[in-house]
């Protein structure tokens, strides 16, 4: 069973580089940014990909 979770992206800022939508506030951190409701496994995969991109650019 997968759970849907709203997460704060903090990077895309509505750039359109992904299917996430812009919202006013993050329910988790209270910050402004992008969020998406998706299965937890997909969230983890997206986070791993984001970390890999950051490490590759550093």
PDB file of N, CA and C in Angstrom:
ATOM      1  N   UNK A   1       0.842  -1.199   0.000  1.00  0.00           N
ATOM      2  CA  UNK A   1       0.000   0.000   0.000  1.00  0.00           C
ATOM      3  C   UNK A   1       0.874   1.244   0.000  1.00  0.00           C
ATOM      4  N   UNK A   2       0.631   2.129  -0.951  1.00  0.00           N
ATOM      5  CA  UNK A   2       1.413   3.357  -1.006  1.00  0.00           C
ATOM      6  C   UNK A   2       0.628   4.488  -0.360  1.00  0.00           C
ATOM      7  N   UNK A   3       1.360   5.411   0.208  1.00  0.00           N
ATOM      8  CA  UNK A   3       0.711   6.564   0.818  1.00  0.00           C
ATOM      9  C   UNK A   3       1.057   7.809   0.012  1.00  0.00           C
ATOM     10  N   UNK A   4       0.110   8.706  -0.112  1.00  0.00           N
ATOM     11  CA  UNK A   4       0.362   9.960  -0.820  1.00  0.00           C
ATOM     12  C   UNK A   4       0.778  11.001   0.202  1.00  0.00           C
ATOM     13  N   UNK A   5       1.815  11.718  -0.115  1.00  0.00           N
ATOM     14  CA  UNK A   5       2.353  12.700   0.811  1.00  0.00           C
ATOM     15  C   UNK A   5       2.609  14.006   0.076  1.00  0.00           C
ATOM     16  N   UNK A   6       2.312  15.109   0.724  1.00  0.00           N
ATOM     17  CA  UNK A   6       2.621  16.404   0.118  1.00  0.00           C
ATOM     18  C   UNK A   6       3.996  16.828   0.601  1.00  0.00           C
ATOM     19  N   UNK A   7       4.881  17.114  -0.317  1.00  0.00           N
ATOM     20  CA  UNK A   7       6.240  17.490   0.052  1.00  0.00           C
ATOM     21  C   UNK A   7       6.574  18.860  -0.519  1.00  0.00           C
ATOM     22  N   UNK A   8       7.582  19.469   0.065  1.00  0.00           N
ATOM     23  CA  UNK A   8       8.054  20.783  -0.377  1.00  0.00           C
ATOM     24  C   UNK A   8       9.310  20.575  -1.202  1.00  0.00           C
ATOM     25  N   UNK A   9       9.268  20.995  -2.437  1.00  0.00           N
ATOM     26  CA  UNK A   9      10.398  20.790  -3.335  1.00  0.00           C
ATOM     27  C   UNK A   9      11.540  21.740  -2.999  1.00  0.00           C
ATOM     28  N   UNK A  10      11.229  23.029  -2.881  1.00  0.00           N
ATOM     29  CA  UNK A  10      12.235  24.010  -2.499  1.00  0.00           C
ATOM     30  C   UNK A  10      13.223  24.370  -3.593  1.00  0.00           C
ATOM     31  N   UNK A  11      13.139  23.776  -4.775  1.00  0.00           N
ATOM     32  CA  UNK A  11      14.115  24.070  -5.814  1.00  0.00           C
ATOM     33  C   UNK A  11      13.480  24.544  -7.111  1.00  0.00           C
ATOM     34  N   UNK A  12      12.351  23.929  -7.503  1.00  0.00           N
ATOM     35  CA  UNK A  12      11.853  24.179  -8.847  1.00  0.00           C
ATOM     36  C   UNK A  12      11.235  25.556  -9.010  1.00  0.00           C
ATOM     37  N   UNK A  13      10.556  26.077  -7.959  1.00  0.00           N
ATOM     38  CA  UNK A  13       9.983  27.418  -8.012  1.00  0.00           C
ATOM     39  C   UNK A  13       9.119  27.631  -9.250  1.00  0.00           C
ATOM     40  N   UNK A  14       8.370  26.608  -9.639  1.00  0.00           N
ATOM     41  CA  UNK A  14       7.460  26.758 -10.760  1.00  0.00           C
ATOM     42  C   UNK A  14       8.158  26.874 -12.099  1.00  0.00           C
ATOM     43  N   UNK A  15       9.345  26.289 -12.237  1.00  0.00           N
ATOM     44  CA  UNK A  15      10.115  26.415 -13.470  1.00  0.00           C
ATOM     45  C   UNK A  15       9.518  25.608 -14.609  1.00  0.00           C
ATOM     46  N   UNK A  16       8.614  24.658 -14.301  1.00  0.00           N
ATOM     47  CA  UNK A  16       8.020  23.844 -15.343  1.00  0.00           C
ATOM     48  C   UNK A  16       8.887  22.677 -15.766  1.00  0.00           C
ATOM     49  N   UNK A  17       9.971  22.449 -15.022  1.00  0.00           N
ATOM     50  CA  UNK A  17      10.882  21.359 -15.370  1.00  0.00           C
ATOM     51  C   UNK A  17      10.382  20.011 -14.864  1.00  0.00           C
ATOM     52  N   UNK A  18       9.217  19.995 -14.266  1.00  0.00           N
ATOM     53  CA  UNK A  18       8.666  18.787 -13.672  1.00  0.00           C
ATOM     54  C   UNK A  18       7.163  18.950 -13.591  1.00  0.00           C
ATOM     55  N   UNK A  19       6.436  17.899 -13.265  1.00  0.00           N
ATOM     56  CA  UNK A  19       4.971  17.980 -13.256  1.00  0.00           C
ATOM     57  C   UNK A  19       4.386  18.523 -11.962  1.00  0.00           C
ATOM     58  N   UNK A  20       5.197  19.106 -11.090  1.00  0.00           N
ATOM     59  CA  UNK A  20       4.697  19.576  -9.812  1.00  0.00           C
ATOM     60  C   UNK A  20       3.973  20.895  -9.969  1.00  0.00           C
ATOM     61  N   UNK A  21       3.089  21.208  -9.051  1.00  0.00           N
ATOM     62  CA  UNK A  21       2.350  22.455  -9.165  1.00  0.00           C
ATOM     63  C   UNK A  21       2.741  23.422  -8.060  1.00  0.00           C
ATOM     64  N   UNK A  22       2.606  24.702  -8.361  1.00  0.00           N
ATOM     65  CA  UNK A  22       2.969  25.738  -7.409  1.00  0.00           C
ATOM     66  C   UNK A  22       1.838  25.948  -6.414  1.00  0.00           C
ATOM     67  N   UNK A  23       2.165  26.014  -5.158  1.00  0.00           N
ATOM     68  CA  UNK A  23       1.203  26.312  -4.106  1.00  0.00           C
ATOM     69  C   UNK A  23       1.762  27.412  -3.220  1.00  0.00           C
ATOM     70  N   UNK A  24       0.904  27.955  -2.391  1.00  0.00           N
ATOM     71  CA  UNK A  24       1.306  29.101  -1.570  1.00  0.00           C
ATOM     72  C   UNK A  24       2.226  28.710  -0.419  1.00  0.00           C
ATOM     73  N   UNK A  25       1.839  27.666   0.324  1.00  0.00           N
ATOM     74  CA  UNK A  25       2.640  27.275   1.479  1.00  0.00           C
ATOM     75  C   UNK A  25       2.822  25.758   1.537  1.00  0.00           C
ATOM     76  N   UNK A  26       3.946  25.348   2.079  1.00  0.00           N
ATOM     77  CA  UNK A  26       4.195  23.925   2.276  1.00  0.00           C
ATOM     78  C   UNK A  26       3.577  23.498   3.599  1.00  0.00           C
ATOM     79  N   UNK A  27       2.774  22.442   3.579  1.00  0.00           N
ATOM     80  CA  UNK A  27       2.146  21.959   4.807  1.00  0.00           C
ATOM     81  C   UNK A  27       3.191  21.435   5.796  1.00  0.00           C
ATOM     82  N   UNK A  28       4.329  20.977   5.285  1.00  0.00           N
ATOM     83  CA  UNK A  28       5.343  20.407   6.160  1.00  0.00           C
ATOM     84  C   UNK A  28       6.244  21.452   6.791  1.00  0.00           C
ATOM     85  N   UNK A  29       6.876  22.294   5.984  1.00  0.00           N
ATOM     86  CA  UNK A  29       7.863  23.241   6.520  1.00  0.00           C
ATOM     87  C   UNK A  29       7.321  24.655   6.614  1.00  0.00           C
ATOM     88  N   UNK A  30       6.165  24.936   6.001  1.00  0.00           N
ATOM     89  CA  UNK A  30       5.603  26.270   6.062  1.00  0.00           C
ATOM     90  C   UNK A  30       6.212  27.228   5.054  1.00  0.00           C
ATOM     91  N   UNK A  31       7.174  26.755   4.271  1.00  0.00           N
ATOM     92  CA  UNK A  31       7.812  27.614   3.283  1.00  0.00           C
ATOM     93  C   UNK A  31       7.007  27.687   1.998  1.00  0.00           C
ATOM     94  N   UNK A  32       7.388  28.624   1.140  1.00  0.00           N
ATOM     95  CA  UNK A  32       6.747  28.745  -0.162  1.00  0.00           C
ATOM     96  C   UNK A  32       7.519  27.877  -1.147  1.00  0.00           C
ATOM     97  N   UNK A  33       6.796  27.250  -2.062  1.00  0.00           N
ATOM     98  CA  UNK A  33       7.514  26.435  -3.038  1.00  0.00           C
ATOM     99  C   UNK A  33       6.609  25.485  -3.774  1.00  0.00           C
ATOM    100  N   UNK A  34       7.181  24.448  -4.334  1.00  0.00           N
ATOM    101  CA  UNK A  34       6.448  23.475  -5.122  1.00  0.00           C
ATOM    102  C   UNK A  34       6.104  22.269  -4.288  1.00  0.00           C
ATOM    103  N   UNK A  35       4.984  21.696  -4.594  1.00  0.00           N
ATOM    104  CA  UNK A  35       4.563  20.498  -3.899  1.00  0.00           C
ATOM    105  C   UNK A  35       3.927  19.557  -4.895  1.00  0.00           C
ATOM    106  N   UNK A  36       3.879  18.325  -4.522  1.00  0.00           N
ATOM    107  CA  UNK A  36       3.151  17.355  -5.322  1.00  0.00           C
ATOM    108  C   UNK A  36       2.628  16.285  -4.391  1.00  0.00           C
ATOM    109  N   UNK A  37       1.494  15.735  -4.729  1.00  0.00           N
ATOM    110  CA  UNK A  37       0.983  14.598  -3.971  1.00  0.00           C
ATOM    111  C   UNK A  37       1.241  13.364  -4.824  1.00  0.00           C
ATOM    112  N   UNK A  38       2.077  12.466  -4.336  1.00  0.00           N
ATOM    113  CA  UNK A  38       2.450  11.274  -5.100  1.00  0.00           C
ATOM    114  C   UNK A  38       2.767  10.146  -4.136  1.00  0.00           C
ATOM    115  N   UNK A  39       2.831   8.918  -4.644  1.00  0.00           N
ATOM    116  CA  UNK A  39       3.165   7.793  -3.774  1.00  0.00           C
ATOM    117  C   UNK A  39       4.537   7.973  -3.129  1.00  0.00           C
ATOM    118  N   UNK A  40       4.673   7.442  -1.925  1.00  0.00           N
ATOM    119  CA  UNK A  40       5.911   7.619  -1.160  1.00  0.00           C
ATOM    120  C   UNK A  40       7.127   7.091  -1.914  1.00  0.00           C
ATOM    121  N   UNK A  41       7.002   5.968  -2.604  1.00  0.00           N
ATOM    122  CA  UNK A  41       8.134   5.410  -3.343  1.00  0.00           C
ATOM    123  C   UNK A  41       8.598   6.378  -4.430  1.00  0.00           C
ATOM    124  N   UNK A  42       7.660   7.054  -5.071  1.00  0.00           N
ATOM    125  CA  UNK A  42       8.022   8.018  -6.109  1.00  0.00           C
ATOM    126  C   UNK A  42       8.699   9.237  -5.496  1.00  0.00           C
ATOM    127  N   UNK A  43       8.263   9.638  -4.303  1.00  0.00           N
ATOM    128  CA  UNK A  43       8.903  10.757  -3.617  1.00  0.00           C
ATOM    129  C   UNK A  43      10.355  10.418  -3.309  1.00  0.00           C
ATOM    130  N   UNK A  44      10.583   9.218  -2.778  1.00  0.00           N
ATOM    131  CA  UNK A  44      11.945   8.811  -2.439  1.00  0.00           C
ATOM    132  C   UNK A  44      12.824   8.778  -3.688  1.00  0.00           C
ATOM    133  N   UNK A  45      12.292   8.276  -4.792  1.00  0.00           N
ATOM    134  CA  UNK A  45      13.060   8.227  -6.034  1.00  0.00           C
ATOM    135  C   UNK A  45      13.392   9.638  -6.508  1.00  0.00           C
ATOM    136  N   UNK A  46      12.432  10.560  -6.404  1.00  0.00           N
ATOM    137  CA  UNK A  46      12.666  11.941  -6.820  1.00  0.00           C
ATOM    138  C   UNK A  46      13.721  12.602  -5.946  1.00  0.00           C
ATOM    139  N   UNK A  47      13.685  12.309  -4.648  1.00  0.00           N
ATOM    140  CA  UNK A  47      14.681  12.885  -3.745  1.00  0.00           C
ATOM    141  C   UNK A  47      16.074  12.359  -4.067  1.00  0.00           C
ATOM    142  N   UNK A  48      16.171  11.057  -4.354  1.00  0.00           N
ATOM    143  CA  UNK A  48      17.479  10.484  -4.715  1.00  0.00           C
ATOM    144  C   UNK A  48      18.006  11.120  -5.991  1.00  0.00           C
ATOM    145  N   UNK A  49      17.123  11.330  -6.961  1.00  0.00           N
ATOM    146  CA  UNK A  49      17.538  11.944  -8.218  1.00  0.00           C
ATOM    147  C   UNK A  49      18.005  13.377  -7.987  1.00  0.00           C
ATOM    148  N   UNK A  50      17.313  14.111  -7.117  1.00  0.00           N
ATOM    149  CA  UNK A  50      17.696  15.491  -6.831  1.00  0.00           C
ATOM    150  C   UNK A  50      19.067  15.542  -6.162  1.00  0.00           C
ATOM    151  N   UNK A  51      19.310  14.631  -5.228  1.00  0.00           N
ATOM    152  CA  UNK A  51      20.602  14.587  -4.554  1.00  0.00           C
ATOM    153  C   UNK A  51      21.703  14.267  -5.554  1.00  0.00           C
ATOM    154  N   UNK A  52      21.441  13.337  -6.464  1.00  0.00           N
ATOM    155  CA  UNK A  52      22.435  12.973  -7.466  1.00  0.00           C
ATOM    156  C   UNK A  52      22.753  14.167  -8.368  1.00  0.00           C
ATOM    157  N   UNK A  53      21.734  14.945  -8.734  1.00  0.00           N
ATOM    158  CA  UNK A  53      21.966  16.133  -9.571  1.00  0.00           C
ATOM    159  C   UNK A  53      22.823  17.162  -8.838  1.00  0.00           C
ATOM    160  N   UNK A  54      22.535  17.366  -7.557  1.00  0.00           N
ATOM    161  CA  UNK A  54      23.295  18.349  -6.783  1.00  0.00           C
ATOM    162  C   UNK A  54      24.745  17.904  -6.648  1.00  0.00           C
ATOM    163  N   UNK A  55      24.946  16.633  -6.367  1.00  0.00           N
ATOM    164  CA  UNK A  55      26.314  16.121  -6.212  1.00  0.00           C
ATOM    165  C   UNK A  55      27.065  16.198  -7.538  1.00  0.00           C
ATOM    166  N   UNK A  56      26.361  15.951  -8.632  1.00  0.00           N
ATOM    167  CA  UNK A  56      27.013  16.006  -9.936  1.00  0.00           C
ATOM    168  C   UNK A  56      27.397  17.432 -10.325  1.00  0.00           C
ATOM    169  N   UNK A  57      26.637  18.412  -9.854  1.00  0.00           N
ATOM    170  CA  UNK A  57      26.906  19.806 -10.205  1.00  0.00           C
ATOM    171  C   UNK A  57      27.945  20.430  -9.280  1.00  0.00           C
ATOM    172  N   UNK A  58      28.166  19.831  -8.120  1.00  0.00           N
ATOM    173  CA  UNK A  58      29.086  20.418  -7.146  1.00  0.00           C
ATOM    174  C   UNK A  58      30.540  20.213  -7.567  1.00  0.00           C
TER     175      UNK A  58
END
